[in-house]
Structures are given as structure tokens and as C-alpha cells.
């Protein structure tokens, strides 16, 4: 690229927005030209908007933001909409996204961490290297809605690790049935004034509202044909555990053609991501297999590939479903959130869906 794309981050002061900003730090393709925040923060510098009344910082993402970023003025929704941008990262709540993402998409591409439009029939849920062909639907979305841009959401963070691990099994053996139980990190719930931490210490929360439905629906959409969800069934139980980062999932797969632990391991280890080479946020491997029976573990394996590699382990025969079972781990705030959104934007840029200044 000869000139960096001018990007805006909508919802910059929130947890998801901070993760996007952290992923954009010193990015070779993208320059953060504007940040948008709530009316409470609009008009303040990002530095002041991230300062609580006691003077402490409310920056919760990794690292420390660049001083030049902190000096940017937080813009209101309307002000951000008026900026000369090439791309907008949307990291706001579902309710805000439903109103504002279409308004931005009328002018520029929107890469979103929100669930607001994931289930629309003309909106693909994209994981680069997994369902690249679905991006063609963005042309139809633009044409049908009369937009210059589009809305391209990433999946729910729990869906991401599951879909990545299932892809080589689907390609090699076909899938009949998927059953999964998640053990999800507390960072996936945002920050709720300490209440959540008190709930989860010495405890497991056996219900995450809306999570199971999202994972079941999104996995089938991602691994299906563009105009038809995958025909296999997906059933999940999603729980919250006392882990800071990293979603661990126990997965049970019934396959259409015979599969055992050895052949499933070979399929996962052979799974490559040649289509992601050269993208600044891409890992060397999107999926790796750990042969240690005590791995993967969130604390030890979530940062594989700088948080962008999914790790599978404990791959075993599954006689009840006639297939295989395994444990899979992904970093929910990197691959599953801010850095995953940036990777998608990189891929869309390289493939010509996002075009820089003329």
C-alpha cells in the first residue's frame, strides 16, 4: 500500500473499542484519524475521556496508548459520520450499532464487533481463512441497500475458536453433529463495577444470556454455503469461569465419513492459511495442535501467535457420536475481538473490498 487508510473507531472508550485501538497501534496500513464516543465523552480528548473521577486511567486493553492517539478529540456520532474516512471500526453495543452502522455504511465500509447485523440475509460473518468466499455477498449488500460501503461483522468470540477448529474436520470428513460446552473468560463480559468478579470467584456461572443461540446460529452460517446454513446441528452450553482471558471449549463432533483421533489430528495439522500470508495481523498458523494431554490451558496458550492462533488438544475418538472430541482454546479479546476485526479489515483491503484515498 502506498498510503495509509484513514480509519475511525466508533465506541473508542469502551472495552471493545480499546481492543481495536490496541490492535491498530503502529499499524502499517491503517491510521486512526478519528475516534467516536458517547455524548458523555464527546468534546473531550481521548486521554480525558479515559480518566475516571479519581484521576485513574480506564484504559483496560493491553499496553499503553500512543500519546498522539490520546490527544484526539472524541467526536459525537454525527461528527464522526462527517469525517473524511476510508473505513470505520464499530465497537459499540448492539442497540447503538443498529442505528448507526447503516448510516456509516452508506458512505464507507464498516467492520464491526457488534452482533446487530450478523443474522441479516445479506451480511456475511467473516473469518479470514475460513469462509473467504462469503465476502462476495458484500457486493450484493452494497447494491441492494444502495450503499457505497458495507457492514462486515466478525463473529461472537466464542464462535470463532469453534468455527476455526471445525473447518478442517468439515473439509476432510463432513460434519453431522456438533456439541460443545464452553468455559469462557470473564473479560468476555466487559466490566460491571466489580460485581461480576465477586460472582465468579470460587464459582462457575452456568448461563450467559444469548450466547448459546449466537454460537449455534453463527457456526452454521460461517461453515455453510453463502445462501444456506450448514446442514449439521450445533448444540452448546456456555459458562463463565474464573479466568481472565481465553475461551476454552470441549467439543464433540459426529462426522459423515469415518474419522478417528489420528486422522482428525492430521487434518488439523495440515490446515493452512496461505491466503492470509502478508497480512500484518495474521499469525503463522491460524490453528495448531498441542499433543500434551494437559494442554491447551488459557494461561499458557492463549497468547499463541500473539493471541491470533487457535489451539486444539486432547483429540480423541468419540464413539457416542461416531466421530472425534477435543478441547479448543482461542483468545477472546484478540482473535475474537479487536485484533480479529483488524485482520478482517486487512484481508478486505488486500482483496479490494476496501479502497483507500484516490
Protein backbone atom coordinates (compact mmCIF):
# COMPACT_ATOMS: atom_id res chain seq x y z
CA UNK A 1 0.00 0.00 0.00
CA UNK A 2 1.28 3.45 -0.87
CA UNK A 3 -0.88 5.46 1.50
CA UNK A 4 -2.36 4.50 4.86
CA UNK A 5 -6.12 4.26 5.09
CA UNK A 6 -7.82 6.81 7.33
CA UNK A 7 -9.86 4.89 9.89
CA UNK A 8 -12.31 5.90 12.56
CA UNK A 9 -13.09 3.91 15.69
CA UNK A 10 -16.71 4.18 16.81
CA UNK A 11 -17.08 3.40 20.52
CA UNK A 12 -13.42 4.13 21.22
CA UNK A 13 -13.71 4.47 25.01
CA UNK A 14 -15.45 1.12 25.55
CA UNK A 15 -13.74 -2.22 26.13
CA UNK A 16 -14.19 -3.43 22.55
CA UNK A 17 -13.12 -0.05 21.14
CA UNK A 18 -9.98 -0.06 23.25
CA UNK A 19 -9.12 -3.54 21.95
CA UNK A 20 -9.46 -2.27 18.38
CA UNK A 21 -7.25 0.75 19.16
CA UNK A 22 -4.63 -1.50 20.74
CA UNK A 23 -4.63 -3.69 17.62
CA UNK A 24 -4.15 -0.61 15.42
CA UNK A 25 -1.10 0.61 17.34
CA UNK A 26 1.63 1.47 14.78
CA UNK A 27 -0.29 -0.36 12.07
CA UNK A 28 1.45 -0.18 8.67
CA UNK A 29 -1.80 0.06 6.65
CA UNK A 30 -4.22 1.97 8.86
CA UNK A 31 -4.01 5.31 10.64
CA UNK A 32 -6.52 6.22 13.32
CA UNK A 33 -7.76 9.60 12.09
CA UNK A 34 -10.83 9.99 14.34
CA UNK A 35 -12.47 8.42 17.37
CA UNK A 36 -16.15 8.49 18.30
CA UNK A 37 -17.63 8.09 21.74
CA UNK A 38 -20.82 8.69 23.71
CA UNK A 39 -22.27 12.12 24.34
CA UNK A 40 -20.72 11.97 27.81
CA UNK A 41 -17.22 11.83 26.26
CA UNK A 42 -17.78 13.91 23.11
CA UNK A 43 -15.63 17.05 23.06
CA UNK A 44 -13.04 15.63 25.46
CA UNK A 45 -9.65 14.38 24.43
CA UNK A 46 -9.44 10.59 24.44
CA UNK A 47 -6.99 10.93 27.33
CA UNK A 48 -9.55 12.81 29.43
CA UNK A 49 -12.42 10.56 28.36
CA UNK A 50 -10.44 7.56 29.63
CA UNK A 51 -9.80 9.16 33.04
CA UNK A 52 -12.17 8.35 35.88
CA UNK A 53 -13.14 10.95 38.56
CA UNK A 54 -10.28 9.84 40.82
CA UNK A 55 -7.74 10.50 38.05
CA UNK A 56 -7.13 6.83 37.30
CA UNK A 57 -6.99 5.51 33.77
CA UNK A 58 -9.87 3.48 32.37
CA UNK A 59 -7.66 2.05 29.62
CA UNK A 60 -8.09 -1.71 30.07
CA UNK A 61 -6.57 -3.05 26.84
CA UNK A 62 -3.01 -4.31 26.55
CA UNK A 63 -0.14 -1.84 26.53
CA UNK A 64 -0.33 1.93 26.75
CA UNK A 65 -1.96 4.01 24.02
CA UNK A 66 0.25 6.29 21.96
CA UNK A 67 0.21 9.94 23.12
CA UNK A 68 -0.86 11.07 19.64
CA UNK A 69 -3.89 8.82 19.90
CA UNK A 70 -4.76 10.13 23.35
CA UNK A 71 -4.70 13.68 22.04
CA UNK A 72 -7.53 13.01 19.55
CA UNK A 73 -10.84 14.66 20.40
CA UNK A 74 -13.74 12.29 20.95
CA UNK A 75 -16.41 13.06 18.39
CA UNK A 76 -20.13 12.59 18.63
CA UNK A 77 -21.89 10.15 16.30
CA UNK A 78 -22.82 12.89 13.85
CA UNK A 79 -19.35 14.44 13.93
CA UNK A 80 -17.65 11.10 13.25
CA UNK A 81 -20.07 10.50 10.39
CA UNK A 82 -18.91 13.74 8.76
CA UNK A 83 -15.19 12.86 8.82
CA UNK A 84 -13.31 12.00 5.60
CA UNK A 85 -12.62 8.35 6.44
CA UNK A 86 -11.88 5.24 4.36
CA UNK A 87 -13.03 2.72 6.97
CA UNK A 88 -14.89 2.65 10.28
CA UNK A 89 -14.41 0.09 13.03
CA UNK A 90 -17.65 -0.18 15.01
CA UNK A 91 -17.21 -1.36 18.61
CA UNK A 92 -20.50 -0.31 20.17
CA UNK A 93 -23.47 -2.08 21.72
CA UNK A 94 -26.00 -3.89 19.56
CA UNK A 95 -28.59 -1.18 20.16
CA UNK A 96 -26.29 1.65 19.06
CA UNK A 97 -24.96 -0.37 16.13
CA UNK A 98 -28.47 -0.97 14.78
CA UNK A 99 -28.97 2.76 14.39
CA UNK A 100 -25.53 4.00 13.35
CA UNK A 101 -23.79 1.24 11.40
CA UNK A 102 -26.15 1.64 8.39
CA UNK A 103 -25.58 5.40 8.41
CA UNK A 104 -21.81 4.90 8.24
CA UNK A 105 -22.15 2.11 5.67
CA UNK A 106 -23.97 4.48 3.33
CA UNK A 107 -20.58 6.20 2.92
CA UNK A 108 -17.75 3.85 3.97
CA UNK A 109 -17.08 0.20 4.82
CA UNK A 110 -17.83 -0.78 8.43
CA UNK A 111 -16.04 -3.65 10.19
CA UNK A 112 -18.00 -4.41 13.33
CA UNK A 113 -17.57 -6.29 16.60
CA UNK A 114 -21.31 -5.94 17.32
CA UNK A 115 -23.98 -8.57 16.69
CA UNK A 116 -26.59 -6.14 15.33
CA UNK A 117 -26.43 -7.25 11.66
CA UNK A 118 -24.80 -10.71 11.87
CA UNK A 119 -28.02 -12.52 11.10
CA UNK A 120 -29.22 -10.37 8.21
CA UNK A 121 -29.51 -12.41 4.99
CA UNK A 122 -27.15 -10.11 3.04
CA UNK A 123 -24.49 -9.75 5.78
CA UNK A 124 -21.68 -12.34 5.89
CA UNK A 125 -19.98 -13.23 9.19
CA UNK A 126 -16.37 -13.46 8.07
CA UNK A 127 -13.28 -15.20 9.47
CA UNK A 128 -10.39 -14.74 7.03
CA UNK A 129 -9.03 -18.12 6.00
CA UNK A 130 -12.27 -19.92 6.92
CA UNK A 131 -15.11 -18.64 4.72
CA UNK A 132 -13.49 -16.15 2.36
CA UNK A 133 -15.93 -16.85 -0.47
CA UNK A 134 -18.79 -15.39 1.60
CA UNK A 135 -17.25 -11.92 1.16
CA UNK A 136 -18.72 -11.85 -2.35
CA UNK A 137 -22.07 -11.18 -0.66
CA UNK A 138 -20.79 -7.71 0.23
CA UNK A 139 -21.26 -6.71 -3.42
CA UNK A 140 -24.92 -7.72 -3.23
CA UNK A 141 -25.32 -5.94 0.10
CA UNK A 142 -23.97 -2.71 -1.37
CA UNK A 143 -26.14 -2.95 -4.47
CA UNK A 144 -29.37 -3.90 -2.70
CA UNK A 145 -29.04 -1.27 0.02
CA UNK A 146 -27.66 1.47 -2.19
CA UNK A 147 -24.56 1.92 -0.03
CA UNK A 148 -21.06 2.97 -1.00
CA UNK A 149 -19.79 0.93 1.92
CA UNK A 150 -20.98 -2.21 3.70
CA UNK A 151 -21.28 -3.85 7.11
CA UNK A 152 -18.93 -6.77 7.78
CA UNK A 153 -19.17 -8.13 11.35
CA UNK A 154 -16.78 -10.56 12.98
CA UNK A 155 -18.33 -13.50 14.88
CA UNK A 156 -19.07 -13.80 18.55
CA UNK A 157 -15.76 -14.54 20.28
CA UNK A 158 -16.95 -17.99 21.37
CA UNK A 159 -17.93 -18.89 17.82
CA UNK A 160 -14.50 -18.02 16.45
CA UNK A 161 -12.43 -20.78 18.05
CA UNK A 162 -15.14 -23.37 17.41
CA UNK A 163 -15.54 -22.49 13.72
CA UNK A 164 -11.78 -22.44 13.08
CA UNK A 165 -11.32 -25.86 14.66
CA UNK A 166 -14.29 -27.38 12.81
CA UNK A 167 -13.26 -26.18 9.34
CA UNK A 168 -10.60 -28.85 8.63
CA UNK A 169 -12.91 -31.56 10.01
CA UNK A 170 -15.73 -30.36 7.78
CA UNK A 171 -13.46 -30.31 4.73
CA UNK A 172 -11.96 -33.76 5.41
CA UNK A 173 -14.85 -35.77 6.86
CA UNK A 174 -18.08 -33.79 6.73
CA UNK A 175 -19.98 -32.97 9.92
CA UNK A 176 -23.30 -34.37 11.15
CA UNK A 177 -23.45 -33.06 14.71
CA UNK A 178 -21.54 -30.67 16.98
CA UNK A 179 -21.94 -30.49 20.74
CA UNK A 180 -19.89 -28.00 22.75
CA UNK A 181 -19.52 -26.79 26.32
CA UNK A 182 -17.55 -23.57 26.81
CA UNK A 183 -15.57 -22.31 29.78
CA UNK A 184 -15.39 -18.60 28.98
CA UNK A 185 -13.11 -15.94 30.43
CA UNK A 186 -14.51 -13.06 32.45
CA UNK A 187 -13.03 -10.50 30.05
CA UNK A 188 -15.70 -11.54 27.59
CA UNK A 189 -18.33 -10.00 29.85
CA UNK A 190 -16.82 -6.50 29.93
CA UNK A 191 -16.54 -4.61 33.18
CA UNK A 192 -19.50 -4.40 35.53
CA UNK A 193 -18.27 -2.47 38.53
CA UNK A 194 -16.73 -5.47 40.29
CA UNK A 195 -20.00 -7.36 40.68
CA UNK A 196 -19.09 -9.99 38.10
CA UNK A 197 -15.72 -10.62 39.77
CA UNK A 198 -17.41 -11.23 43.11
CA UNK A 199 -19.83 -13.61 41.43
CA UNK A 200 -17.20 -15.68 39.64
CA UNK A 201 -14.55 -16.08 42.37
CA UNK A 202 -14.73 -19.67 43.66
CA UNK A 203 -17.57 -20.23 41.24
CA UNK A 204 -18.74 -21.11 37.72
CA UNK A 205 -21.68 -19.23 36.17
CA UNK A 206 -23.66 -21.79 34.11
CA UNK A 207 -25.52 -19.29 31.89
CA UNK A 208 -24.52 -16.43 29.59
CA UNK A 209 -27.65 -14.78 28.18
CA UNK A 210 -27.93 -15.12 24.40
CA UNK A 211 -24.53 -16.77 24.00
CA UNK A 212 -25.61 -20.28 23.10
CA UNK A 213 -28.04 -19.08 20.44
CA UNK A 214 -25.34 -16.87 18.88
CA UNK A 215 -22.79 -19.67 18.70
CA UNK A 216 -25.23 -22.19 17.27
CA UNK A 217 -26.55 -19.83 14.59
CA UNK A 218 -23.21 -18.23 13.66
CA UNK A 219 -21.28 -21.51 13.35
CA UNK A 220 -23.79 -22.83 10.83
CA UNK A 221 -23.78 -19.56 8.89
CA UNK A 222 -19.98 -19.38 8.71
CA UNK A 223 -19.47 -23.04 7.73
CA UNK A 224 -22.42 -23.25 5.34
CA UNK A 225 -22.83 -22.12 1.76
CA UNK A 226 -23.37 -18.39 1.47
CA UNK A 227 -27.10 -18.69 0.84
CA UNK A 228 -27.69 -21.74 3.03
CA UNK A 229 -26.55 -22.56 6.59
CA UNK A 230 -24.54 -25.73 7.17
CA UNK A 231 -26.90 -28.70 7.46
CA UNK A 232 -25.39 -30.14 10.63
CA UNK A 233 -26.83 -29.50 14.09
CA UNK A 234 -24.99 -27.50 16.76
CA UNK A 235 -25.84 -27.66 20.47
CA UNK A 236 -23.98 -25.61 23.10
CA UNK A 237 -23.79 -24.93 26.81
CA UNK A 238 -21.88 -21.72 27.56
CA UNK A 239 -20.46 -21.00 31.01
CA UNK A 240 -18.34 -18.28 32.65
CA UNK A 241 -15.29 -19.30 34.69
CA UNK A 242 -12.67 -17.55 36.81
CA UNK A 243 -10.14 -16.99 34.01
CA UNK A 244 -9.02 -13.56 32.82
CA UNK A 245 -8.63 -14.18 29.06
CA UNK A 246 -9.10 -17.16 26.77
CA UNK A 247 -12.22 -19.18 25.96
CA UNK A 248 -11.79 -22.94 26.38
CA UNK A 249 -14.32 -25.26 24.75
CA UNK A 250 -14.94 -29.02 24.96
CA UNK A 251 -16.15 -30.08 21.51
CA UNK A 252 -17.81 -33.33 20.40
CA UNK A 253 -18.21 -33.90 16.65
CA UNK A 254 -20.14 -36.57 14.77
CA UNK A 255 -18.69 -36.90 11.27
CA UNK A 256 -20.28 -38.02 7.98
CA UNK A 257 -17.27 -40.10 6.96
CA UNK A 258 -15.14 -42.19 9.33
CA UNK A 259 -12.75 -40.14 11.47
CA UNK A 260 -10.57 -41.04 14.41
CA UNK A 261 -8.14 -39.14 16.60
CA UNK A 262 -5.18 -39.76 14.29
CA UNK A 263 -6.92 -38.69 11.08
CA UNK A 264 -8.54 -35.66 12.74
CA UNK A 265 -5.19 -34.57 14.15
CA UNK A 266 -3.61 -34.92 10.72
CA UNK A 267 -6.39 -32.82 9.15
CA UNK A 268 -5.99 -30.07 11.73
CA UNK A 269 -2.21 -30.04 11.43
CA UNK A 270 -2.42 -29.85 7.63
CA UNK A 271 -4.82 -26.91 7.71
CA UNK A 272 -3.01 -23.91 6.29
CA UNK A 273 -3.73 -20.23 5.78
CA UNK A 274 -1.81 -19.35 2.63
CA UNK A 275 -4.50 -16.74 1.90
CA UNK A 276 -3.53 -14.77 4.99
CA UNK A 277 0.20 -14.51 4.30
CA UNK A 278 1.40 -10.93 4.17
CA UNK A 279 -1.39 -9.53 6.34
CA UNK A 280 0.15 -7.61 9.26
CA UNK A 281 -2.06 -9.20 11.95
CA UNK A 282 -2.03 -12.76 10.62
CA UNK A 283 -0.30 -15.47 12.68
CA UNK A 284 1.96 -18.11 11.17
CA UNK A 285 -0.78 -20.63 11.90
CA UNK A 286 -4.46 -19.98 12.48
CA UNK A 287 -4.87 -23.45 14.03
CA UNK A 288 -2.31 -25.57 15.82
CA UNK A 289 -2.49 -28.89 17.65
CA UNK A 290 -0.81 -29.43 21.03
CA UNK A 291 -0.02 -33.07 21.79
CA UNK A 292 0.48 -32.53 25.54
CA UNK A 293 -2.62 -34.11 27.19
CA UNK A 294 -2.73 -31.26 29.71
CA UNK A 295 -2.96 -28.57 27.01
CA UNK A 296 -4.32 -26.19 25.87
CA UNK A 297 -4.60 -24.09 29.01
CA UNK A 298 -5.78 -20.46 28.96
CA UNK A 299 -2.89 -19.01 30.94
CA UNK A 300 -0.23 -20.87 28.96
CA UNK A 301 -1.65 -20.97 25.43
CA UNK A 302 -3.98 -18.02 24.85
CA UNK A 303 -1.15 -15.84 23.50
CA UNK A 304 -0.08 -18.31 20.80
CA UNK A 305 0.50 -16.36 17.61
CA UNK A 306 0.18 -13.15 19.67
CA UNK A 307 -3.36 -14.18 20.53
CA UNK A 308 -4.34 -14.95 16.92
CA UNK A 309 -3.75 -18.73 16.87
CA UNK A 310 -6.42 -21.22 17.93
CA UNK A 311 -5.03 -24.22 19.83
CA UNK A 312 -6.65 -27.67 19.79
CA UNK A 313 -5.68 -30.55 22.06
CA UNK A 314 -6.84 -33.78 23.67
CA UNK A 315 -8.11 -35.04 20.30
CA UNK A 316 -9.76 -38.41 20.93
CA UNK A 317 -12.18 -40.86 19.34
CA UNK A 318 -15.84 -40.10 20.09
CA UNK A 319 -17.80 -43.39 20.00
CA UNK A 320 -21.18 -41.97 21.10
CA UNK A 321 -21.40 -39.56 18.15
CA UNK A 322 -19.20 -41.66 15.82
CA UNK A 323 -16.54 -39.03 15.32
CA UNK A 324 -13.98 -37.19 17.41
CA UNK A 325 -13.82 -34.98 20.51
CA UNK A 326 -11.26 -32.40 21.55
CA UNK A 327 -10.58 -29.24 23.57
CA UNK A 328 -10.00 -25.93 21.81
CA UNK A 329 -8.77 -22.55 23.07
CA UNK A 330 -8.88 -19.09 21.50
CA UNK A 331 -8.07 -15.59 22.78
CA UNK A 332 -11.42 -13.86 23.14
CA UNK A 333 -10.16 -10.26 23.20
CA UNK A 334 -7.58 -10.63 20.40
CA UNK A 335 -8.65 -13.05 17.65
CA UNK A 336 -12.20 -12.91 18.99
CA UNK A 337 -12.43 -9.11 19.16
CA UNK A 338 -10.18 -6.15 18.34
CA UNK A 339 -7.30 -7.83 16.53
CA UNK A 340 -9.67 -10.17 14.72
CA UNK A 341 -11.57 -7.14 13.42
CA UNK A 342 -8.32 -5.57 12.23
CA UNK A 343 -7.31 -8.83 10.49
CA UNK A 344 -10.64 -8.86 8.67
CA UNK A 345 -10.13 -5.24 7.59
CA UNK A 346 -6.65 -6.12 6.31
CA UNK A 347 -7.99 -9.02 4.26
CA UNK A 348 -10.86 -6.94 2.84
CA UNK A 349 -8.37 -4.22 1.92
CA UNK A 350 -5.98 -6.56 0.16
CA UNK A 351 -8.88 -8.20 -1.71
CA UNK A 352 -10.15 -4.83 -2.93
CA UNK A 353 -13.34 -4.55 -0.88
CA UNK A 354 -11.92 -1.55 0.99
CA UNK A 355 -10.30 1.11 -1.16
CA UNK A 356 -8.06 3.89 0.08
CA UNK A 357 -8.00 7.55 -0.87
CA UNK A 358 -7.97 8.17 -4.60
